Amino acid sequence: MSHLTSEQRYTISVLLEQNFSKSEIAIVIKKDKSVLTRELKRNCDLRSGNYDFDLAQRKYEKRQKDK
């Protein structure tokens, strides 16, 4: 499955707060760095530019519902 899980999104959020690099985060969540980059581009808060787990999950669920 190529979709990120809510647990992976939470892990991304925590590791970003701890200043892990994108490459390190990709290794931890066991996804290619391009998947992480795409996730950050799609789901960062447009105003602050920060990645928030709850917001990212809501955006993902909305996109799935709208299919």
PDB file of N, CA and C in Angstrom:
ATOM      1  N   MET A   1       0.846  -1.180   0.000  1.00  0.00           N
ATOM      2  CA  MET A   1       0.000   0.000   0.000  1.00  0.00           C
ATOM      3  C   MET A   1       0.887   1.237   0.000  1.00  0.00           C
ATOM      4  N   SER A   2       0.585   2.185  -0.873  1.00  0.00           N
ATOM      5  CA  SER A   2       1.435   3.361  -1.006  1.00  0.00           C
ATOM      6  C   SER A   2       0.982   4.527  -0.134  1.00  0.00           C
ATOM      7  N   HIS A   3      -0.218   4.445   0.435  1.00  0.00           N
ATOM      8  CA  HIS A   3      -0.702   5.533   1.285  1.00  0.00           C
ATOM      9  C   HIS A   3       0.016   5.513   2.631  1.00  0.00           C
ATOM     10  N   LEU A   4       0.186   6.700   3.190  1.00  0.00           N
ATOM     11  CA  LEU A   4       0.737   6.787   4.534  1.00  0.00           C
ATOM     12  C   LEU A   4      -0.367   6.502   5.545  1.00  0.00           C
ATOM     13  N   THR A   5      -0.004   5.858   6.626  1.00  0.00           N
ATOM     14  CA  THR A   5      -0.961   5.608   7.698  1.00  0.00           C
ATOM     15  C   THR A   5      -1.001   6.819   8.624  1.00  0.00           C
ATOM     16  N   SER A   6      -2.015   6.868   9.467  1.00  0.00           N
ATOM     17  CA  SER A   6      -2.082   7.961  10.442  1.00  0.00           C
ATOM     18  C   SER A   6      -0.885   7.890  11.393  1.00  0.00           C
ATOM     19  N   GLU A   7      -0.420   6.681  11.702  1.00  0.00           N
ATOM     20  CA  GLU A   7       0.755   6.526  12.560  1.00  0.00           C
ATOM     21  C   GLU A   7       2.000   7.105  11.890  1.00  0.00           C
ATOM     22  N   GLN A   8       2.132   6.883  10.589  1.00  0.00           N
ATOM     23  CA  GLN A   8       3.276   7.441   9.866  1.00  0.00           C
ATOM     24  C   GLN A   8       3.194   8.965   9.828  1.00  0.00           C
ATOM     25  N   ARG A   9       2.006   9.502   9.653  1.00  0.00           N
ATOM     26  CA  ARG A   9       1.842  10.966   9.666  1.00  0.00           C
ATOM     27  C   ARG A   9       2.214  11.539  11.032  1.00  0.00           C
ATOM     28  N   TYR A  10       1.807  10.856  12.079  1.00  0.00           N
ATOM     29  CA  TYR A  10       2.155  11.301  13.430  1.00  0.00           C
ATOM     30  C   TYR A  10       3.672  11.267  13.617  1.00  0.00           C
ATOM     31  N   THR A  11       4.304  10.202  13.165  1.00  0.00           N
ATOM     32  CA  THR A  11       5.756  10.075  13.272  1.00  0.00           C
ATOM     33  C   THR A  11       6.452  11.195  12.519  1.00  0.00           C
ATOM     34  N   ILE A  12       5.975  11.512  11.330  1.00  0.00           N
ATOM     35  CA  ILE A  12       6.543  12.621  10.552  1.00  0.00           C
ATOM     36  C   ILE A  12       6.482  13.904  11.371  1.00  0.00           C
ATOM     37  N   SER A  13       5.338  14.173  11.956  1.00  0.00           N
ATOM     38  CA  SER A  13       5.143  15.387  12.742  1.00  0.00           C
ATOM     39  C   SER A  13       6.134  15.464  13.906  1.00  0.00           C
ATOM     40  N   VAL A  14       6.263  14.373  14.636  1.00  0.00           N
ATOM     41  CA  VAL A  14       7.164  14.333  15.794  1.00  0.00           C
ATOM     42  C   VAL A  14       8.618  14.507  15.360  1.00  0.00           C
ATOM     43  N   LEU A  15       9.015  13.813  14.310  1.00  0.00           N
ATOM     44  CA  LEU A  15      10.410  13.877  13.872  1.00  0.00           C
ATOM     45  C   LEU A  15      10.763  15.235  13.277  1.00  0.00           C
ATOM     46  N   LEU A  16       9.818  15.870  12.604  1.00  0.00           N
ATOM     47  CA  LEU A  16      10.071  17.224  12.098  1.00  0.00           C
ATOM     48  C   LEU A  16      10.313  18.193  13.256  1.00  0.00           C
ATOM     49  N   GLU A  17       9.535  18.041  14.327  1.00  0.00           N
ATOM     50  CA  GLU A  17       9.722  18.884  15.511  1.00  0.00           C
ATOM     51  C   GLU A  17      11.095  18.669  16.136  1.00  0.00           C
ATOM     52  N   GLN A  18      11.645  17.473  15.966  1.00  0.00           N
ATOM     53  CA  GLN A  18      12.959  17.141  16.518  1.00  0.00           C
ATOM     54  C   GLN A  18      14.079  17.411  15.513  1.00  0.00           C
ATOM     55  N   ASN A  19      13.742  18.090  14.419  1.00  0.00           N
ATOM     56  CA  ASN A  19      14.705  18.507  13.392  1.00  0.00           C
ATOM     57  C   ASN A  19      15.411  17.359  12.679  1.00  0.00           C
ATOM     58  N   PHE A  20      14.719  16.232  12.509  1.00  0.00           N
ATOM     59  CA  PHE A  20      15.257  15.155  11.683  1.00  0.00           C
ATOM     60  C   PHE A  20      15.222  15.613  10.228  1.00  0.00           C
ATOM     61  N   SER A  21      16.151  15.117   9.427  1.00  0.00           N
ATOM     62  CA  SER A  21      16.145  15.448   8.000  1.00  0.00           C
ATOM     63  C   SER A  21      15.063  14.629   7.295  1.00  0.00           C
ATOM     64  N   LYS A  22      14.707  15.063   6.098  1.00  0.00           N
ATOM     65  CA  LYS A  22      13.709  14.322   5.317  1.00  0.00           C
ATOM     66  C   LYS A  22      14.194  12.906   5.023  1.00  0.00           C
ATOM     67  N   SER A  23      15.471  12.768   4.744  1.00  0.00           N
ATOM     68  CA  SER A  23      16.027  11.439   4.468  1.00  0.00           C
ATOM     69  C   SER A  23      15.912  10.531   5.685  1.00  0.00           C
ATOM     70  N   GLU A  24      16.207  11.075   6.861  1.00  0.00           N
ATOM     71  CA  GLU A  24      16.113  10.282   8.090  1.00  0.00           C
ATOM     72  C   GLU A  24      14.665   9.884   8.373  1.00  0.00           C
ATOM     73  N   ILE A  25      13.749  10.810   8.174  1.00  0.00           N
ATOM     74  CA  ILE A  25      12.333  10.525   8.413  1.00  0.00           C
ATOM     75  C   ILE A  25      11.845   9.446   7.450  1.00  0.00           C
ATOM     76  N   ALA A  26      12.242   9.547   6.193  1.00  0.00           N
ATOM     77  CA  ALA A  26      11.838   8.556   5.194  1.00  0.00           C
ATOM     78  C   ALA A  26      12.294   7.153   5.600  1.00  0.00           C
ATOM     79  N   ILE A  27      13.478   7.057   6.140  1.00  0.00           N
ATOM     80  CA  ILE A  27      13.988   5.756   6.593  1.00  0.00           C
ATOM     81  C   ILE A  27      13.142   5.230   7.750  1.00  0.00           C
ATOM     82  N   VAL A  28      12.843   6.096   8.708  1.00  0.00           N
ATOM     83  CA  VAL A  28      12.072   5.682   9.888  1.00  0.00           C
ATOM     84  C   VAL A  28      10.673   5.206   9.502  1.00  0.00           C
ATOM     85  N   ILE A  29      10.006   5.920   8.591  1.00  0.00           N
ATOM     86  CA  ILE A  29       8.636   5.534   8.214  1.00  0.00           C
ATOM     87  C   ILE A  29       8.614   4.485   7.100  1.00  0.00           C
ATOM     88  N   LYS A  30       9.806   4.104   6.633  1.00  0.00           N
ATOM     89  CA  LYS A  30       9.945   3.056   5.613  1.00  0.00           C
ATOM     90  C   LYS A  30       9.245   3.412   4.305  1.00  0.00           C
ATOM     91  N   LYS A  31       9.434   4.665   3.894  1.00  0.00           N
ATOM     92  CA  LYS A  31       8.904   5.151   2.616  1.00  0.00           C
ATOM     93  C   LYS A  31      10.014   5.886   1.886  1.00  0.00           C
ATOM     94  N   ASP A  32       9.892   5.965   0.576  1.00  0.00           N
ATOM     95  CA  ASP A  32      10.848   6.720  -0.222  1.00  0.00           C
ATOM     96  C   ASP A  32      10.775   8.198   0.144  1.00  0.00           C
ATOM     97  N   LYS A  33      11.898   8.869   0.025  1.00  0.00           N
ATOM     98  CA  LYS A  33      11.951  10.300   0.347  1.00  0.00           C
ATOM     99  C   LYS A  33      10.953  11.096  -0.491  1.00  0.00           C
ATOM    100  N   SER A  34      10.698  10.669  -1.725  1.00  0.00           N
ATOM    101  CA  SER A  34       9.748  11.383  -2.584  1.00  0.00           C
ATOM    102  C   SER A  34       8.328  11.321  -2.016  1.00  0.00           C
ATOM    103  N   VAL A  35       7.983  10.228  -1.354  1.00  0.00           N
ATOM    104  CA  VAL A  35       6.666  10.099  -0.720  1.00  0.00           C
ATOM    105  C   VAL A  35       6.540  11.126   0.403  1.00  0.00           C
ATOM    106  N   LEU A  36       7.599  11.257   1.186  1.00  0.00           N
ATOM    107  CA  LEU A  36       7.602  12.232   2.277  1.00  0.00           C
ATOM    108  C   LEU A  36       7.516  13.654   1.738  1.00  0.00           C
ATOM    109  N   THR A  37       8.290  13.949   0.711  1.00  0.00           N
ATOM    110  CA  THR A  37       8.275  15.285   0.117  1.00  0.00           C
ATOM    111  C   THR A  37       6.881  15.631  -0.400  1.00  0.00           C
ATOM    112  N   ARG A  38       6.241  14.685  -1.067  1.00  0.00           N
ATOM    113  CA  ARG A  38       4.884  14.894  -1.584  1.00  0.00           C
ATOM    114  C   ARG A  38       3.893  15.101  -0.434  1.00  0.00           C
ATOM    115  N   GLU A  39       4.036  14.324   0.627  1.00  0.00           N
ATOM    116  CA  GLU A  39       3.169  14.472   1.802  1.00  0.00           C
ATOM    117  C   GLU A  39       3.303  15.871   2.400  1.00  0.00           C
ATOM    118  N   LEU A  40       4.517  16.352   2.531  1.00  0.00           N
ATOM    119  CA  LEU A  40       4.739  17.680   3.106  1.00  0.00           C
ATOM    120  C   LEU A  40       4.175  18.769   2.200  1.00  0.00           C
ATOM    121  N   LYS A  41       4.350  18.597   0.902  1.00  0.00           N
ATOM    122  CA  LYS A  41       3.838  19.590  -0.047  1.00  0.00           C
ATOM    123  C   LYS A  41       2.311  19.650  -0.002  1.00  0.00           C
ATOM    124  N   ARG A  42       1.666  18.503   0.066  1.00  0.00           N
ATOM    125  CA  ARG A  42       0.200  18.443   0.038  1.00  0.00           C
ATOM    126  C   ARG A  42      -0.446  18.862   1.352  1.00  0.00           C
ATOM    127  N   ASN A  43       0.216  18.579   2.455  1.00  0.00           N
ATOM    128  CA  ASN A  43      -0.478  18.653   3.741  1.00  0.00           C
ATOM    129  C   ASN A  43       0.082  19.633   4.755  1.00  0.00           C
ATOM    130  N   CYS A  44       1.021  20.471   4.374  1.00  0.00           N
ATOM    131  CA  CYS A  44       1.486  21.502   5.301  1.00  0.00           C
ATOM    132  C   CYS A  44       0.431  22.595   5.413  1.00  0.00           C
ATOM    133  N   ASP A  45       0.394  23.226   6.560  1.00  0.00           N
ATOM    134  CA  ASP A  45      -0.506  24.360   6.773  1.00  0.00           C
ATOM    135  C   ASP A  45      -0.084  25.479   5.833  1.00  0.00           C
ATOM    136  N   LEU A  46      -1.006  25.965   5.023  1.00  0.00           N
ATOM    137  CA  LEU A  46      -0.676  26.978   4.020  1.00  0.00           C
ATOM    138  C   LEU A  46      -0.240  28.293   4.645  1.00  0.00           C
ATOM    139  N   ARG A  47      -0.794  28.628   5.797  1.00  0.00           N
ATOM    140  CA  ARG A  47      -0.439  29.900   6.440  1.00  0.00           C
ATOM    141  C   ARG A  47       0.900  29.836   7.151  1.00  0.00           C
ATOM    142  N   SER A  48       1.104  28.816   7.950  1.00  0.00           N
ATOM    143  CA  SER A  48       2.330  28.744   8.752  1.00  0.00           C
ATOM    144  C   SER A  48       3.458  27.991   8.050  1.00  0.00           C
ATOM    145  N   GLY A  49       3.101  27.110   7.105  1.00  0.00           N
ATOM    146  CA  GLY A  49       4.108  26.286   6.446  1.00  0.00           C
ATOM    147  C   GLY A  49       4.532  25.092   7.281  1.00  0.00           C
ATOM    148  N   ASN A  50       3.901  24.912   8.441  1.00  0.00           N
ATOM    149  CA  ASN A  50       4.250  23.811   9.334  1.00  0.00           C
ATOM    150  C   ASN A  50       3.420  22.572   9.012  1.00  0.00           C
ATOM    151  N   TYR A  51       3.993  21.418   9.330  1.00  0.00           N
ATOM    152  CA  TYR A  51       3.283  20.155   9.151  1.00  0.00           C
ATOM    153  C   TYR A  51       2.611  19.796  10.463  1.00  0.00           C
ATOM    154  N   ASP A  52       1.308  19.650  10.430  1.00  0.00           N
ATOM    155  CA  ASP A  52       0.535  19.293  11.613  1.00  0.00           C
ATOM    156  C   ASP A  52      -0.176  17.977  11.335  1.00  0.00           C
ATOM    157  N   PHE A  53       0.046  17.009  12.193  1.00  0.00           N
ATOM    158  CA  PHE A  53      -0.514  15.672  12.012  1.00  0.00           C
ATOM    159  C   PHE A  53      -2.029  15.693  11.823  1.00  0.00           C
ATOM    160  N   ASP A  54      -2.739  16.387  12.701  1.00  0.00           N
ATOM    161  CA  ASP A  54      -4.207  16.402  12.625  1.00  0.00           C
ATOM    162  C   ASP A  54      -4.698  17.013  11.319  1.00  0.00           C
ATOM    163  N   LEU A  55      -4.111  18.129  10.936  1.00  0.00           N
ATOM    164  CA  LEU A  55      -4.491  18.788   9.684  1.00  0.00           C
ATOM    165  C   LEU A  55      -4.184  17.889   8.489  1.00  0.00           C
ATOM    166  N   ALA A  56      -3.012  17.280   8.494  1.00  0.00           N
ATOM    167  CA  ALA A  56      -2.618  16.399   7.391  1.00  0.00           C
ATOM    168  C   ALA A  56      -3.584  15.229   7.256  1.00  0.00           C
ATOM    169  N   GLN A  57      -3.973  14.647   8.376  1.00  0.00           N
ATOM    170  CA  GLN A  57      -4.892  13.509   8.338  1.00  0.00           C
ATOM    171  C   GLN A  57      -6.263  13.935   7.825  1.00  0.00           C
ATOM    172  N   ARG A  58      -6.738  15.095   8.263  1.00  0.00           N
ATOM    173  CA  ARG A  58      -8.043  15.592   7.785  1.00  0.00           C
ATOM    174  C   ARG A  58      -8.013  15.856   6.282  1.00  0.00           C
ATOM    175  N   LYS A  59      -6.918  16.461   5.794  1.00  0.00           N
ATOM    176  CA  LYS A  59      -6.801  16.731   4.356  1.00  0.00           C
ATOM    177  C   LYS A  59      -6.802  15.422   3.574  1.00  0.00           C
ATOM    178  N   TYR A  60      -6.068  14.431   4.065  1.00  0.00           N
ATOM    179  CA  TYR A  60      -6.020  13.125   3.408  1.00  0.00           C
ATOM    180  C   TYR A  60      -7.415  12.497   3.355  1.00  0.00           C
ATOM    181  N   GLU A  61      -8.108  12.496   4.495  1.00  0.00           N
ATOM    182  CA  GLU A  61      -9.432  11.885   4.550  1.00  0.00           C
ATOM    183  C   GLU A  61     -10.418  12.601   3.630  1.00  0.00           C
ATOM    184  N   LYS A  62     -10.318  13.912   3.541  1.00  0.00           N
ATOM    185  CA  LYS A  62     -11.195  14.670   2.643  1.00  0.00           C
ATOM    186  C   LYS A  62     -10.923  14.299   1.191  1.00  0.00           C
ATOM    187  N   ARG A  63      -9.650  14.191   0.817  1.00  0.00           N
ATOM    188  CA  ARG A  63      -9.327  13.807  -0.562  1.00  0.00           C
ATOM    189  C   ARG A  63      -9.858  12.416  -0.879  1.00  0.00           C
ATOM    190  N   GLN A  64      -9.770  11.498   0.073  1.00  0.00           N
ATOM    191  CA  GLN A  64     -10.277  10.144  -0.152  1.00  0.00           C
ATOM    192  C   GLN A  64     -11.797  10.144  -0.305  1.00  0.00           C
ATOM    193  N   LYS A  65     -12.456  10.949   0.497  1.00  0.00           N
ATOM    194  CA  LYS A  65     -13.915  11.036   0.445  1.00  0.00           C
ATOM    195  C   LYS A  65     -14.385  11.648  -0.867  1.00  0.00           C
ATOM    196  N   ASP A  66     -13.638  12.618  -1.382  1.00  0.00           N
ATOM    197  CA  ASP A  66     -14.021  13.333  -2.600  1.00  0.00           C
ATOM    198  C   ASP A  66     -13.768  12.541  -3.877  1.00  0.00           C
ATOM    199  N   LYS A  67     -13.128  11.386  -3.774  1.00  0.00           N
ATOM    200  CA  LYS A  67     -12.833  10.589  -4.976  1.00  0.00           C
ATOM    201  C   LYS A  67     -14.096  10.052  -5.597  1.00  0.00           C
TER     202      LYS A  67
END
